[in-house]
Amino acid sequence: MTADDSFGRLDDDDYPAYTMGRATEMLGTTQGFLRAIGEARLITPLRSEGGHRRYSRYQLRIAARARELVDQGTPIEAACRIVILEDQLEDARHINAEHHQRPDRPT
């Protein structure tokens, strides 16, 4: 990997740039919380060659939303399900908007 390749990844939301320690600092949470949402399959961190968890900015946004719900009293499993459904809804809205913008769509 060259320096140019590394700099190109700075804008990549899916690049696993953050260690678990850094992620917990940024989110103001614990390693246990990140492990729990991983076990609930909300996010799946990539692993470094040494086996350490690495998180992307996208995953940290998802984790932050789950933490928000948990802080409001939602059980972690339910919070994870809510975040998954919110993400699916956003995807569906995006697809719907694209469909309605197509000039060749039937009326």
N, C-alpha and C. Protein backbone atom coordinates (compact mmCIF):
# COMPACT_ATOMS: atom_id res chain seq x y z
N MET A 1 0.85 -1.17 0.00
CA MET A 1 0.00 0.00 0.00
C MET A 1 0.89 1.23 0.00
N THR A 2 0.55 2.16 -0.85
CA THR A 2 1.34 3.39 -0.92
C THR A 2 0.67 4.47 -0.09
N ALA A 3 1.38 5.57 0.11
CA ALA A 3 0.83 6.68 0.87
C ALA A 3 -0.42 7.22 0.17
N ASP A 4 -0.39 7.26 -1.18
CA ASP A 4 -1.55 7.76 -1.91
C ASP A 4 -2.78 6.89 -1.65
N ASP A 5 -2.60 5.56 -1.57
CA ASP A 5 -3.71 4.66 -1.29
C ASP A 5 -4.28 4.94 0.10
N SER A 6 -3.41 5.16 1.07
CA SER A 6 -3.85 5.42 2.44
C SER A 6 -4.65 6.70 2.54
N PHE A 7 -4.19 7.76 1.88
CA PHE A 7 -4.89 9.04 1.95
C PHE A 7 -6.25 8.95 1.27
N GLY A 8 -6.37 8.15 0.22
CA GLY A 8 -7.64 7.99 -0.47
C GLY A 8 -8.69 7.37 0.42
N ARG A 9 -8.29 6.61 1.41
CA ARG A 9 -9.23 5.94 2.30
C ARG A 9 -9.76 6.85 3.40
N LEU A 10 -9.19 8.01 3.57
CA LEU A 10 -9.63 8.92 4.63
C LEU A 10 -11.09 9.33 4.45
N ASP A 11 -11.56 9.38 3.22
CA ASP A 11 -12.94 9.76 2.95
C ASP A 11 -13.87 8.56 2.83
N ASP A 12 -13.36 7.36 2.99
CA ASP A 12 -14.15 6.13 2.83
C ASP A 12 -14.86 5.80 4.13
N ASP A 13 -16.19 5.92 4.14
CA ASP A 13 -16.99 5.62 5.34
C ASP A 13 -16.90 4.17 5.77
N ASP A 14 -16.52 3.29 4.85
CA ASP A 14 -16.48 1.86 5.16
C ASP A 14 -15.08 1.35 5.52
N TYR A 15 -14.09 2.21 5.48
CA TYR A 15 -12.73 1.80 5.81
C TYR A 15 -12.60 1.63 7.33
N PRO A 16 -12.16 0.45 7.78
CA PRO A 16 -12.05 0.18 9.23
C PRO A 16 -10.84 0.85 9.86
N ALA A 17 -10.97 2.14 10.13
CA ALA A 17 -9.84 2.93 10.58
C ALA A 17 -9.69 3.02 12.09
N TYR A 18 -10.73 2.64 12.84
CA TYR A 18 -10.73 2.89 14.28
C TYR A 18 -10.60 1.62 15.10
N THR A 19 -9.69 1.64 16.04
CA THR A 19 -9.53 0.52 16.97
C THR A 19 -10.70 0.53 17.95
N MET A 20 -10.86 -0.55 18.68
CA MET A 20 -11.92 -0.60 19.67
C MET A 20 -11.73 0.49 20.71
N GLY A 21 -10.51 0.69 21.16
CA GLY A 21 -10.24 1.72 22.16
C GLY A 21 -10.63 3.10 21.68
N ARG A 22 -10.25 3.42 20.46
CA ARG A 22 -10.59 4.73 19.90
C ARG A 22 -12.10 4.86 19.70
N ALA A 23 -12.73 3.77 19.24
CA ALA A 23 -14.18 3.78 19.03
C ALA A 23 -14.93 4.04 20.34
N THR A 24 -14.49 3.39 21.42
CA THR A 24 -15.17 3.60 22.71
C THR A 24 -14.98 5.03 23.19
N GLU A 25 -13.81 5.60 22.95
CA GLU A 25 -13.57 7.00 23.32
C GLU A 25 -14.50 7.93 22.55
N MET A 26 -14.61 7.70 21.25
CA MET A 26 -15.42 8.57 20.40
C MET A 26 -16.91 8.48 20.75
N LEU A 27 -17.35 7.28 21.10
CA LEU A 27 -18.76 7.06 21.40
C LEU A 27 -19.10 7.29 22.87
N GLY A 28 -18.08 7.36 23.71
CA GLY A 28 -18.32 7.50 25.14
C GLY A 28 -19.00 6.27 25.72
N THR A 29 -18.56 5.11 25.29
CA THR A 29 -19.16 3.85 25.73
C THR A 29 -18.08 2.88 26.16
N THR A 30 -18.45 1.64 26.33
CA THR A 30 -17.50 0.63 26.80
C THR A 30 -17.22 -0.39 25.70
N GLN A 31 -16.15 -1.13 25.90
CA GLN A 31 -15.84 -2.21 24.97
C GLN A 31 -16.94 -3.28 25.01
N GLY A 32 -17.50 -3.49 26.19
CA GLY A 32 -18.59 -4.45 26.34
C GLY A 32 -19.79 -4.09 25.49
N PHE A 33 -20.10 -2.79 25.39
CA PHE A 33 -21.21 -2.36 24.55
C PHE A 33 -20.93 -2.69 23.10
N LEU A 34 -19.73 -2.38 22.62
CA LEU A 34 -19.40 -2.68 21.23
C LEU A 34 -19.43 -4.19 20.96
N ARG A 35 -18.95 -4.97 21.92
CA ARG A 35 -19.01 -6.43 21.76
C ARG A 35 -20.47 -6.90 21.71
N ALA A 36 -21.31 -6.31 22.56
CA ALA A 36 -22.72 -6.71 22.62
C ALA A 36 -23.45 -6.42 21.30
N ILE A 37 -23.20 -5.25 20.72
CA ILE A 37 -23.89 -4.97 19.45
C ILE A 37 -23.29 -5.77 18.31
N GLY A 38 -22.04 -6.19 18.48
CA GLY A 38 -21.45 -7.12 17.52
C GLY A 38 -22.09 -8.50 17.63
N GLU A 39 -22.30 -8.96 18.86
CA GLU A 39 -22.96 -10.25 19.08
C GLU A 39 -24.40 -10.23 18.59
N ALA A 40 -25.05 -9.06 18.67
CA ALA A 40 -26.42 -8.92 18.17
C ALA A 40 -26.44 -8.75 16.65
N ARG A 41 -25.26 -8.73 16.05
CA ARG A 41 -25.08 -8.62 14.60
C ARG A 41 -25.53 -7.29 14.02
N LEU A 42 -25.50 -6.26 14.85
CA LEU A 42 -25.80 -4.93 14.34
C LEU A 42 -24.63 -4.45 13.48
N ILE A 43 -23.43 -4.64 13.99
CA ILE A 43 -22.22 -4.32 13.22
C ILE A 43 -21.27 -5.50 13.33
N THR A 44 -20.47 -5.67 12.31
CA THR A 44 -19.45 -6.72 12.32
C THR A 44 -18.12 -6.05 12.04
N PRO A 45 -17.34 -5.80 13.08
CA PRO A 45 -16.05 -5.14 12.84
C PRO A 45 -15.11 -6.05 12.07
N LEU A 46 -14.27 -5.44 11.28
CA LEU A 46 -13.23 -6.20 10.62
C LEU A 46 -12.14 -6.48 11.63
N ARG A 47 -11.31 -7.43 11.33
CA ARG A 47 -10.22 -7.78 12.23
C ARG A 47 -8.88 -7.45 11.58
N SER A 48 -7.99 -6.89 12.37
CA SER A 48 -6.64 -6.62 11.89
C SER A 48 -5.90 -7.95 11.78
N GLU A 49 -4.71 -7.93 11.21
CA GLU A 49 -3.92 -9.16 11.10
C GLU A 49 -3.66 -9.76 12.47
N GLY A 50 -3.61 -8.93 13.50
CA GLY A 50 -3.39 -9.41 14.86
C GLY A 50 -4.68 -9.84 15.56
N GLY A 51 -5.82 -9.74 14.86
CA GLY A 51 -7.09 -10.18 15.43
C GLY A 51 -7.86 -9.11 16.18
N HIS A 52 -7.38 -7.86 16.14
CA HIS A 52 -8.05 -6.78 16.86
C HIS A 52 -9.21 -6.23 16.04
N ARG A 53 -10.28 -5.86 16.73
CA ARG A 53 -11.45 -5.29 16.05
C ARG A 53 -11.13 -3.91 15.52
N ARG A 54 -11.61 -3.65 14.30
CA ARG A 54 -11.45 -2.34 13.66
C ARG A 54 -12.81 -1.90 13.14
N TYR A 55 -13.17 -0.63 13.37
CA TYR A 55 -14.48 -0.11 13.04
C TYR A 55 -14.38 1.01 12.00
N SER A 56 -15.39 1.09 11.15
CA SER A 56 -15.47 2.16 10.15
C SER A 56 -16.32 3.31 10.71
N ARG A 57 -16.27 4.45 10.02
CA ARG A 57 -17.10 5.58 10.44
C ARG A 57 -18.58 5.22 10.34
N TYR A 58 -18.95 4.50 9.30
CA TYR A 58 -20.35 4.07 9.15
C TYR A 58 -20.77 3.22 10.36
N GLN A 59 -19.93 2.26 10.74
CA GLN A 59 -20.25 1.41 11.89
C GLN A 59 -20.35 2.23 13.18
N LEU A 60 -19.52 3.23 13.31
CA LEU A 60 -19.58 4.07 14.51
C LEU A 60 -20.87 4.89 14.55
N ARG A 61 -21.35 5.33 13.40
CA ARG A 61 -22.64 6.04 13.38
C ARG A 61 -23.77 5.11 13.80
N ILE A 62 -23.73 3.87 13.31
CA ILE A 62 -24.74 2.88 13.66
C ILE A 62 -24.67 2.60 15.18
N ALA A 63 -23.46 2.42 15.69
CA ALA A 63 -23.27 2.16 17.12
C ALA A 63 -23.76 3.34 17.96
N ALA A 64 -23.51 4.55 17.49
CA ALA A 64 -23.96 5.74 18.22
C ALA A 64 -25.47 5.79 18.31
N ARG A 65 -26.16 5.42 17.23
CA ARG A 65 -27.62 5.40 17.25
C ARG A 65 -28.12 4.35 18.23
N ALA A 66 -27.50 3.18 18.23
CA ALA A 66 -27.90 2.12 19.17
C ALA A 66 -27.67 2.60 20.61
N ARG A 67 -26.57 3.24 20.84
CA ARG A 67 -26.28 3.74 22.20
C ARG A 67 -27.32 4.76 22.64
N GLU A 68 -27.73 5.62 21.71
CA GLU A 68 -28.77 6.61 22.00
C GLU A 68 -30.05 5.92 22.51
N LEU A 69 -30.45 4.86 21.80
CA LEU A 69 -31.66 4.13 22.18
C LEU A 69 -31.49 3.43 23.52
N VAL A 70 -30.32 2.81 23.73
CA VAL A 70 -30.06 2.13 25.00
C VAL A 70 -30.06 3.13 26.15
N ASP A 71 -29.48 4.30 25.92
CA ASP A 71 -29.45 5.34 26.95
C ASP A 71 -30.87 5.82 27.30
N GLN A 72 -31.81 5.66 26.37
CA GLN A 72 -33.20 6.04 26.61
C GLN A 72 -33.99 4.91 27.27
N GLY A 73 -33.32 3.79 27.54
CA GLY A 73 -33.98 2.69 28.24
C GLY A 73 -34.39 1.51 27.38
N THR A 74 -34.07 1.53 26.12
CA THR A 74 -34.40 0.43 25.23
C THR A 74 -33.42 -0.72 25.46
N PRO A 75 -33.91 -1.94 25.60
CA PRO A 75 -32.99 -3.09 25.73
C PRO A 75 -32.08 -3.18 24.49
N ILE A 76 -30.87 -3.63 24.70
CA ILE A 76 -29.88 -3.61 23.62
C ILE A 76 -30.33 -4.41 22.38
N GLU A 77 -30.97 -5.56 22.59
CA GLU A 77 -31.43 -6.37 21.45
C GLU A 77 -32.48 -5.60 20.65
N ALA A 78 -33.40 -4.94 21.36
CA ALA A 78 -34.44 -4.16 20.69
C ALA A 78 -33.83 -2.95 19.99
N ALA A 79 -32.87 -2.31 20.62
CA ALA A 79 -32.20 -1.16 20.01
C ALA A 79 -31.53 -1.56 18.71
N CYS A 80 -30.88 -2.71 18.71
CA CYS A 80 -30.22 -3.19 17.51
C CYS A 80 -31.23 -3.44 16.40
N ARG A 81 -32.36 -4.05 16.75
CA ARG A 81 -33.40 -4.32 15.76
C ARG A 81 -33.97 -3.02 15.21
N ILE A 82 -34.20 -2.04 16.06
CA ILE A 82 -34.71 -0.74 15.63
C ILE A 82 -33.75 -0.09 14.64
N VAL A 83 -32.46 -0.12 14.96
CA VAL A 83 -31.47 0.51 14.09
C VAL A 83 -31.43 -0.20 12.74
N ILE A 84 -31.51 -1.52 12.74
CA ILE A 84 -31.54 -2.28 11.48
C ILE A 84 -32.75 -1.87 10.66
N LEU A 85 -33.92 -1.79 11.29
CA LEU A 85 -35.13 -1.40 10.57
C LEU A 85 -35.05 0.04 10.05
N GLU A 86 -34.48 0.93 10.85
CA GLU A 86 -34.30 2.32 10.39
C GLU A 86 -33.40 2.37 9.16
N ASP A 87 -32.35 1.58 9.17
CA ASP A 87 -31.42 1.53 8.04
C ASP A 87 -32.11 0.97 6.80
N GLN A 88 -32.90 -0.08 6.97
CA GLN A 88 -33.63 -0.66 5.85
C GLN A 88 -34.65 0.33 5.29
N LEU A 89 -35.33 1.06 6.16
CA LEU A 89 -36.29 2.06 5.72
C LEU A 89 -35.60 3.16 4.91
N GLU A 90 -34.46 3.61 5.38
CA GLU A 90 -33.71 4.63 4.66
C GLU A 90 -33.30 4.13 3.27
N ASP A 91 -32.85 2.89 3.18
CA ASP A 91 -32.50 2.30 1.88
C ASP A 91 -33.72 2.25 0.97
N ALA A 92 -34.86 1.83 1.50
CA ALA A 92 -36.08 1.74 0.70
C ALA A 92 -36.51 3.12 0.21
N ARG A 93 -36.40 4.12 1.05
CA ARG A 93 -36.75 5.49 0.64
C ARG A 93 -35.84 5.97 -0.48
N HIS A 94 -34.57 5.65 -0.37
CA HIS A 94 -33.60 6.05 -1.40
C HIS A 94 -33.94 5.37 -2.73
N ILE A 95 -34.22 4.08 -2.69
CA ILE A 95 -34.58 3.34 -3.90
C ILE A 95 -35.87 3.91 -4.50
N ASN A 96 -36.84 4.20 -3.64
CA ASN A 96 -38.11 4.76 -4.11
C ASN A 96 -37.89 6.11 -4.78
N ALA A 97 -37.08 6.96 -4.18
CA ALA A 97 -36.80 8.27 -4.76
C ALA A 97 -36.12 8.13 -6.12
N GLU A 98 -35.18 7.21 -6.24
CA GLU A 98 -34.51 6.98 -7.52
C GLU A 98 -35.49 6.49 -8.56
N HIS A 99 -36.39 5.61 -8.16
CA HIS A 99 -37.39 5.08 -9.08
C HIS A 99 -38.29 6.18 -9.61
N HIS A 100 -38.70 7.10 -8.74
CA HIS A 100 -39.59 8.18 -9.16
C HIS A 100 -38.88 9.23 -10.00
N GLN A 101 -37.57 9.26 -9.99
CA GLN A 101 -36.81 10.22 -10.79
C GLN A 101 -36.48 9.70 -12.18
N ARG A 102 -36.68 8.42 -12.41
CA ARG A 102 -36.35 7.83 -13.71
C ARG A 102 -37.31 8.34 -14.77
N PRO A 103 -36.79 8.85 -15.89
CA PRO A 103 -37.66 9.37 -16.95
C PRO A 103 -38.42 8.27 -17.69
N ASP A 104 -37.92 7.04 -17.68
CA ASP A 104 -38.55 5.96 -18.42
C ASP A 104 -39.53 5.14 -17.59
N ARG A 105 -39.86 5.62 -16.41
CA ARG A 105 -40.74 4.85 -15.54
C ARG A 105 -42.17 4.92 -16.08
N PRO A 106 -42.88 3.78 -16.02
CA PRO A 106 -44.27 3.78 -16.49
C PRO A 106 -45.17 4.58 -15.55
N THR A 107 -46.17 5.19 -16.13
CA THR A 107 -47.11 5.97 -15.32
C THR A 107 -48.39 5.23 -15.06
